[in-house]
Amino acid sequence: MFFQLANARYEKGAMIVTSNRGFAEWGEVFGDPVVATALLDRLLHHAVVVQIEGSSYRLRQHAELMPEHL
């Protein structure tokens, strides 16, 4: 369904997508490398990719709430 959404929006409007997985892993995530490649092709055409490095803000909050998980 995500592919259908991206395909319908392709070159019609902006999309913001966040992921904690690298592009190489999307084939595993979607269960089909061909679909993942087609999806990435549509998402990355005319795209600006912003890669954020560093520790996760959400994981830091979790660690503060449950320090035994450190």
PDB file of N, CA and C in Angstrom:
ATOM      1  N   MET A   1       0.814  -1.188   0.000  1.00  0.00           N
ATOM      2  CA  MET A   1       0.000   0.000   0.000  1.00  0.00           C
ATOM      3  C   MET A   1       0.862   1.258   0.000  1.00  0.00           C
ATOM      4  N   PHE A   2       2.015   1.193   0.663  1.00  0.00           N
ATOM      5  CA  PHE A   2       2.894   2.359   0.689  1.00  0.00           C
ATOM      6  C   PHE A   2       3.400   2.673  -0.714  1.00  0.00           C
ATOM      7  N   PHE A   3       3.708   1.629  -1.476  1.00  0.00           N
ATOM      8  CA  PHE A   3       4.128   1.846  -2.867  1.00  0.00           C
ATOM      9  C   PHE A   3       3.016   2.532  -3.650  1.00  0.00           C
ATOM     10  N   GLN A   4       1.787   2.112  -3.468  1.00  0.00           N
ATOM     11  CA  GLN A   4       0.669   2.714  -4.190  1.00  0.00           C
ATOM     12  C   GLN A   4       0.512   4.183  -3.819  1.00  0.00           C
ATOM     13  N   LEU A   5       0.699   4.518  -2.558  1.00  0.00           N
ATOM     14  CA  LEU A   5       0.634   5.905  -2.132  1.00  0.00           C
ATOM     15  C   LEU A   5       1.751   6.724  -2.785  1.00  0.00           C
ATOM     16  N   ALA A   6       2.978   6.223  -2.705  1.00  0.00           N
ATOM     17  CA  ALA A   6       4.106   6.942  -3.296  1.00  0.00           C
ATOM     18  C   ALA A   6       3.937   7.068  -4.804  1.00  0.00           C
ATOM     19  N   ASN A   7       3.443   6.040  -5.439  1.00  0.00           N
ATOM     20  CA  ASN A   7       3.230   6.066  -6.880  1.00  0.00           C
ATOM     21  C   ASN A   7       2.156   7.094  -7.259  1.00  0.00           C
ATOM     22  N   ALA A   8       1.091   7.172  -6.463  1.00  0.00           N
ATOM     23  CA  ALA A   8       0.026   8.137  -6.741  1.00  0.00           C
ATOM     24  C   ALA A   8       0.499   9.574  -6.521  1.00  0.00           C
ATOM     25  N   ARG A   9       1.391   9.787  -5.567  1.00  0.00           N
ATOM     26  CA  ARG A   9       1.905  11.122  -5.261  1.00  0.00           C
ATOM     27  C   ARG A   9       3.090  11.513  -6.132  1.00  0.00           C
ATOM     28  N   TYR A  10       3.650  10.572  -6.878  1.00  0.00           N
ATOM     29  CA  TYR A  10       4.870  10.794  -7.655  1.00  0.00           C
ATOM     30  C   TYR A  10       4.723  12.001  -8.576  1.00  0.00           C
ATOM     31  N   GLU A  11       5.598  12.967  -8.389  1.00  0.00           N
ATOM     32  CA  GLU A  11       5.668  14.218  -9.148  1.00  0.00           C
ATOM     33  C   GLU A  11       4.386  15.056  -9.066  1.00  0.00           C
ATOM     34  N   LYS A  12       3.578  14.842  -8.041  1.00  0.00           N
ATOM     35  CA  LYS A  12       2.367  15.641  -7.847  1.00  0.00           C
ATOM     36  C   LYS A  12       2.448  16.500  -6.600  1.00  0.00           C
ATOM     37  N   GLY A  13       3.294  16.141  -5.674  1.00  0.00           N
ATOM     38  CA  GLY A  13       3.413  16.901  -4.445  1.00  0.00           C
ATOM     39  C   GLY A  13       4.550  16.373  -3.591  1.00  0.00           C
ATOM     40  N   ALA A  14       4.825  17.086  -2.545  1.00  0.00           N
ATOM     41  CA  ALA A  14       5.933  16.736  -1.662  1.00  0.00           C
ATOM     42  C   ALA A  14       5.543  15.622  -0.703  1.00  0.00           C
ATOM     43  N   MET A  15       6.543  14.846  -0.332  1.00  0.00           N
ATOM     44  CA  MET A  15       6.375  13.816   0.702  1.00  0.00           C
ATOM     45  C   MET A  15       7.581  13.901   1.627  1.00  0.00           C
ATOM     46  N   ILE A  16       7.339  13.690   2.887  1.00  0.00           N
ATOM     47  CA  ILE A  16       8.422  13.567   3.859  1.00  0.00           C
ATOM     48  C   ILE A  16       8.338  12.160   4.421  1.00  0.00           C
ATOM     49  N   VAL A  17       9.439  11.429   4.313  1.00  0.00           N
ATOM     50  CA  VAL A  17       9.497  10.052   4.796  1.00  0.00           C
ATOM     51  C   VAL A  17      10.686   9.943   5.741  1.00  0.00           C
ATOM     52  N   THR A  18      10.473   9.367   6.898  1.00  0.00           N
ATOM     53  CA  THR A  18      11.576   9.116   7.829  1.00  0.00           C
ATOM     54  C   THR A  18      11.720   7.617   8.024  1.00  0.00           C
ATOM     55  N   SER A  19      12.950   7.196   8.241  1.00  0.00           N
ATOM     56  CA  SER A  19      13.212   5.773   8.442  1.00  0.00           C
ATOM     57  C   SER A  19      14.476   5.608   9.264  1.00  0.00           C
ATOM     58  N   ASN A  20      14.511   4.573  10.053  1.00  0.00           N
ATOM     59  CA  ASN A  20      15.733   4.237  10.773  1.00  0.00           C
ATOM     60  C   ASN A  20      16.495   3.121  10.047  1.00  0.00           C
ATOM     61  N   ARG A  21      16.119   2.845   8.818  1.00  0.00           N
ATOM     62  CA  ARG A  21      16.766   1.816   7.998  1.00  0.00           C
ATOM     63  C   ARG A  21      17.429   2.450   6.794  1.00  0.00           C
ATOM     64  N   GLY A  22      18.577   1.912   6.412  1.00  0.00           N
ATOM     65  CA  GLY A  22      19.255   2.372   5.214  1.00  0.00           C
ATOM     66  C   GLY A  22      18.528   1.882   3.968  1.00  0.00           C
ATOM     67  N   PHE A  23      18.790   2.537   2.848  1.00  0.00           N
ATOM     68  CA  PHE A  23      18.119   2.167   1.605  1.00  0.00           C
ATOM     69  C   PHE A  23      18.382   0.708   1.225  1.00  0.00           C
ATOM     70  N   ALA A  24      19.555   0.207   1.529  1.00  0.00           N
ATOM     71  CA  ALA A  24      19.900  -1.178   1.191  1.00  0.00           C
ATOM     72  C   ALA A  24      19.027  -2.189   1.931  1.00  0.00           C
ATOM     73  N   GLU A  25      18.453  -1.792   3.046  1.00  0.00           N
ATOM     74  CA  GLU A  25      17.626  -2.692   3.855  1.00  0.00           C
ATOM     75  C   GLU A  25      16.146  -2.676   3.473  1.00  0.00           C
ATOM     76  N   TRP A  26      15.745  -1.777   2.594  1.00  0.00           N
ATOM     77  CA  TRP A  26      14.324  -1.639   2.283  1.00  0.00           C
ATOM     78  C   TRP A  26      13.749  -2.874   1.599  1.00  0.00           C
ATOM     79  N   GLY A  27      14.557  -3.617   0.876  1.00  0.00           N
ATOM     80  CA  GLY A  27      14.093  -4.861   0.266  1.00  0.00           C
ATOM     81  C   GLY A  27      13.618  -5.848   1.321  1.00  0.00           C
ATOM     82  N   GLU A  28      14.357  -5.943   2.415  1.00  0.00           N
ATOM     83  CA  GLU A  28      13.965  -6.818   3.523  1.00  0.00           C
ATOM     84  C   GLU A  28      12.712  -6.292   4.221  1.00  0.00           C
ATOM     85  N   VAL A  29      12.649  -4.979   4.404  1.00  0.00           N
ATOM     86  CA  VAL A  29      11.519  -4.364   5.103  1.00  0.00           C
ATOM     87  C   VAL A  29      10.216  -4.604   4.356  1.00  0.00           C
ATOM     88  N   PHE A  30      10.243  -4.418   3.032  1.00  0.00           N
ATOM     89  CA  PHE A  30       9.032  -4.575   2.232  1.00  0.00           C
ATOM     90  C   PHE A  30       8.835  -5.999   1.730  1.00  0.00           C
ATOM     91  N   GLY A  31       9.810  -6.863   1.952  1.00  0.00           N
ATOM     92  CA  GLY A  31       9.662  -8.260   1.582  1.00  0.00           C
ATOM     93  C   GLY A  31       9.845  -8.537   0.099  1.00  0.00           C
ATOM     94  N   ASP A  32      10.178  -7.511  -0.678  1.00  0.00           N
ATOM     95  CA  ASP A  32      10.356  -7.683  -2.122  1.00  0.00           C
ATOM     96  C   ASP A  32      11.333  -6.626  -2.615  1.00  0.00           C
ATOM     97  N   PRO A  33      12.534  -7.031  -2.997  1.00  0.00           N
ATOM     98  CA  PRO A  33      13.524  -6.045  -3.444  1.00  0.00           C
ATOM     99  C   PRO A  33      13.103  -5.282  -4.699  1.00  0.00           C
ATOM    100  N   VAL A  34      12.308  -5.892  -5.564  1.00  0.00           N
ATOM    101  CA  VAL A  34      11.859  -5.212  -6.781  1.00  0.00           C
ATOM    102  C   VAL A  34      10.910  -4.064  -6.423  1.00  0.00           C
ATOM    103  N   VAL A  35       9.974  -4.315  -5.522  1.00  0.00           N
ATOM    104  CA  VAL A  35       9.047  -3.272  -5.084  1.00  0.00           C
ATOM    105  C   VAL A  35       9.807  -2.177  -4.345  1.00  0.00           C
ATOM    106  N   ALA A  36      10.750  -2.564  -3.498  1.00  0.00           N
ATOM    107  CA  ALA A  36      11.539  -1.581  -2.760  1.00  0.00           C
ATOM    108  C   ALA A  36      12.343  -0.703  -3.714  1.00  0.00           C
ATOM    109  N   THR A  37      12.911  -1.283  -4.756  1.00  0.00           N
ATOM    110  CA  THR A  37      13.675  -0.515  -5.741  1.00  0.00           C
ATOM    111  C   THR A  37      12.775   0.462  -6.482  1.00  0.00           C
ATOM    112  N   ALA A  38      11.593   0.015  -6.882  1.00  0.00           N
ATOM    113  CA  ALA A  38      10.651   0.897  -7.580  1.00  0.00           C
ATOM    114  C   ALA A  38      10.192   2.027  -6.655  1.00  0.00           C
ATOM    115  N   LEU A  39       9.947   1.708  -5.395  1.00  0.00           N
ATOM    116  CA  LEU A  39       9.537   2.710  -4.423  1.00  0.00           C
ATOM    117  C   LEU A  39      10.637   3.743  -4.219  1.00  0.00           C
ATOM    118  N   LEU A  40      11.858   3.268  -4.008  1.00  0.00           N
ATOM    119  CA  LEU A  40      12.980   4.185  -3.822  1.00  0.00           C
ATOM    120  C   LEU A  40      13.222   5.038  -5.059  1.00  0.00           C
ATOM    121  N   ASP A  41      13.020   4.465  -6.233  1.00  0.00           N
ATOM    122  CA  ASP A  41      13.172   5.217  -7.471  1.00  0.00           C
ATOM    123  C   ASP A  41      12.224   6.417  -7.484  1.00  0.00           C
ATOM    124  N   ARG A  42      10.997   6.219  -7.090  1.00  0.00           N
ATOM    125  CA  ARG A  42      10.020   7.305  -7.069  1.00  0.00           C
ATOM    126  C   ARG A  42      10.288   8.295  -5.935  1.00  0.00           C
ATOM    127  N   LEU A  43      10.662   7.777  -4.774  1.00  0.00           N
ATOM    128  CA  LEU A  43      10.904   8.662  -3.640  1.00  0.00           C
ATOM    129  C   LEU A  43      12.159   9.515  -3.817  1.00  0.00           C
ATOM    130  N   LEU A  44      13.186   8.954  -4.425  1.00  0.00           N
ATOM    131  CA  LEU A  44      14.468   9.655  -4.500  1.00  0.00           C
ATOM    132  C   LEU A  44      14.621  10.542  -5.734  1.00  0.00           C
ATOM    133  N   HIS A  45      13.737  10.399  -6.705  1.00  0.00           N
ATOM    134  CA  HIS A  45      13.792  11.259  -7.886  1.00  0.00           C
ATOM    135  C   HIS A  45      13.420  12.674  -7.454  1.00  0.00           C
ATOM    136  N   HIS A  46      14.270  13.631  -7.676  1.00  0.00           N
ATOM    137  CA  HIS A  46      14.106  15.031  -7.251  1.00  0.00           C
ATOM    138  C   HIS A  46      14.165  15.193  -5.728  1.00  0.00           C
ATOM    139  N   ALA A  47      14.659  14.213  -5.005  1.00  0.00           N
ATOM    140  CA  ALA A  47      14.632  14.261  -3.541  1.00  0.00           C
ATOM    141  C   ALA A  47      15.848  14.964  -2.962  1.00  0.00           C
ATOM    142  N   VAL A  48      15.668  15.445  -1.763  1.00  0.00           N
ATOM    143  CA  VAL A  48      16.753  15.909  -0.923  1.00  0.00           C
ATOM    144  C   VAL A  48      16.792  14.951   0.258  1.00  0.00           C
ATOM    145  N   VAL A  49      17.882  14.233   0.408  1.00  0.00           N
ATOM    146  CA  VAL A  49      18.021  13.261   1.494  1.00  0.00           C
ATOM    147  C   VAL A  49      18.812  13.912   2.611  1.00  0.00           C
ATOM    148  N   VAL A  50      18.252  13.919   3.805  1.00  0.00           N
ATOM    149  CA  VAL A  50      18.909  14.469   4.981  1.00  0.00           C
ATOM    150  C   VAL A  50      19.200  13.303   5.910  1.00  0.00           C
ATOM    151  N   GLN A  51      20.471  13.049   6.124  1.00  0.00           N
ATOM    152  CA  GLN A  51      20.854  11.956   7.016  1.00  0.00           C
ATOM    153  C   GLN A  51      21.297  12.553   8.338  1.00  0.00           C
ATOM    154  N   ILE A  52      20.662  12.134   9.405  1.00  0.00           N
ATOM    155  CA  ILE A  52      20.944  12.661  10.736  1.00  0.00           C
ATOM    156  C   ILE A  52      21.781  11.632  11.478  1.00  0.00           C
ATOM    157  N   GLU A  53      22.921  12.060  11.941  1.00  0.00           N
ATOM    158  CA  GLU A  53      23.822  11.195  12.706  1.00  0.00           C
ATOM    159  C   GLU A  53      23.696  11.549  14.185  1.00  0.00           C
ATOM    160  N   GLY A  54      23.910  10.584  15.029  1.00  0.00           N
ATOM    161  CA  GLY A  54      23.891  10.852  16.454  1.00  0.00           C
ATOM    162  C   GLY A  54      22.910   9.957  17.176  1.00  0.00           C
ATOM    163  N   SER A  55      22.845  10.162  18.471  1.00  0.00           N
ATOM    164  CA  SER A  55      21.966   9.330  19.285  1.00  0.00           C
ATOM    165  C   SER A  55      20.513   9.781  19.124  1.00  0.00           C
ATOM    166  N   SER A  56      19.637   8.845  19.307  1.00  0.00           N
ATOM    167  CA  SER A  56      18.208   9.093  19.160  1.00  0.00           C
ATOM    168  C   SER A  56      17.662   9.827  20.380  1.00  0.00           C
ATOM    169  N   TYR A  57      16.911  10.887  20.127  1.00  0.00           N
ATOM    170  CA  TYR A  57      16.271  11.640  21.197  1.00  0.00           C
ATOM    171  C   TYR A  57      15.260  10.762  21.926  1.00  0.00           C
ATOM    172  N   ARG A  58      14.489   9.977  21.179  1.00  0.00           N
ATOM    173  CA  ARG A  58      13.489   9.106  21.802  1.00  0.00           C
ATOM    174  C   ARG A  58      14.137   8.027  22.652  1.00  0.00           C
ATOM    175  N   LEU A  59      15.241   7.446  22.182  1.00  0.00           N
ATOM    176  CA  LEU A  59      15.912   6.420  22.976  1.00  0.00           C
ATOM    177  C   LEU A  59      16.522   7.019  24.243  1.00  0.00           C
ATOM    178  N   ARG A  60      16.985   8.256  24.153  1.00  0.00           N
ATOM    179  CA  ARG A  60      17.535   8.911  25.338  1.00  0.00           C
ATOM    180  C   ARG A  60      16.431   9.105  26.380  1.00  0.00           C
ATOM    181  N   GLN A  61      15.239   9.520  25.948  1.00  0.00           N
ATOM    182  CA  GLN A  61      14.125   9.669  26.876  1.00  0.00           C
ATOM    183  C   GLN A  61      13.765   8.327  27.510  1.00  0.00           C
ATOM    184  N   HIS A  62      13.789   7.261  26.722  1.00  0.00           N
ATOM    185  CA  HIS A  62      13.482   5.933  27.229  1.00  0.00           C
ATOM    186  C   HIS A  62      14.502   5.531  28.287  1.00  0.00           C
ATOM    187  N   ALA A  63      15.779   5.804  28.031  1.00  0.00           N
ATOM    188  CA  ALA A  63      16.826   5.438  28.977  1.00  0.00           C
ATOM    189  C   ALA A  63      16.672   6.203  30.294  1.00  0.00           C
ATOM    190  N   GLU A  64      16.218   7.454  30.195  1.00  0.00           N
ATOM    191  CA  GLU A  64      16.005   8.232  31.424  1.00  0.00           C
ATOM    192  C   GLU A  64      14.858   7.666  32.244  1.00  0.00           C
ATOM    193  N   LEU A  65      13.833   7.125  31.577  1.00  0.00           N
ATOM    194  CA  LEU A  65      12.680   6.575  32.276  1.00  0.00           C
ATOM    195  C   LEU A  65      12.973   5.185  32.832  1.00  0.00           C
ATOM    196  N   MET A  66      13.819   4.429  32.135  1.00  0.00           N
ATOM    197  CA  MET A  66      14.113   3.050  32.532  1.00  0.00           C
ATOM    198  C   MET A  66      15.628   2.849  32.528  1.00  0.00           C
ATOM    199  N   PRO A  67      16.330   3.348  33.518  1.00  0.00           N
ATOM    200  CA  PRO A  67      17.799   3.292  33.525  1.00  0.00           C
ATOM    201  C   PRO A  67      18.365   1.862  33.565  1.00  0.00           C
ATOM    202  N   GLU A  68      17.579   0.886  33.954  1.00  0.00           N
ATOM    203  CA  GLU A  68      18.083  -0.494  33.995  1.00  0.00           C
ATOM    204  C   GLU A  68      18.337  -1.063  32.604  1.00  0.00           C
ATOM    205  N   HIS A  69      17.839  -0.402  31.548  1.00  0.00           N
ATOM    206  CA  HIS A  69      18.040  -0.897  30.186  1.00  0.00           C
ATOM    207  C   HIS A  69      19.355  -0.404  29.578  1.00  0.00           C
ATOM    208  N   LEU A  70      20.139   0.379  30.324  1.00  0.00           N
ATOM    209  CA  LEU A  70      21.396   0.916  29.783  1.00  0.00           C
ATOM    210  C   LEU A  70      22.420  -0.151  29.634  1.00  0.00           C
TER     211      LEU A  70
END
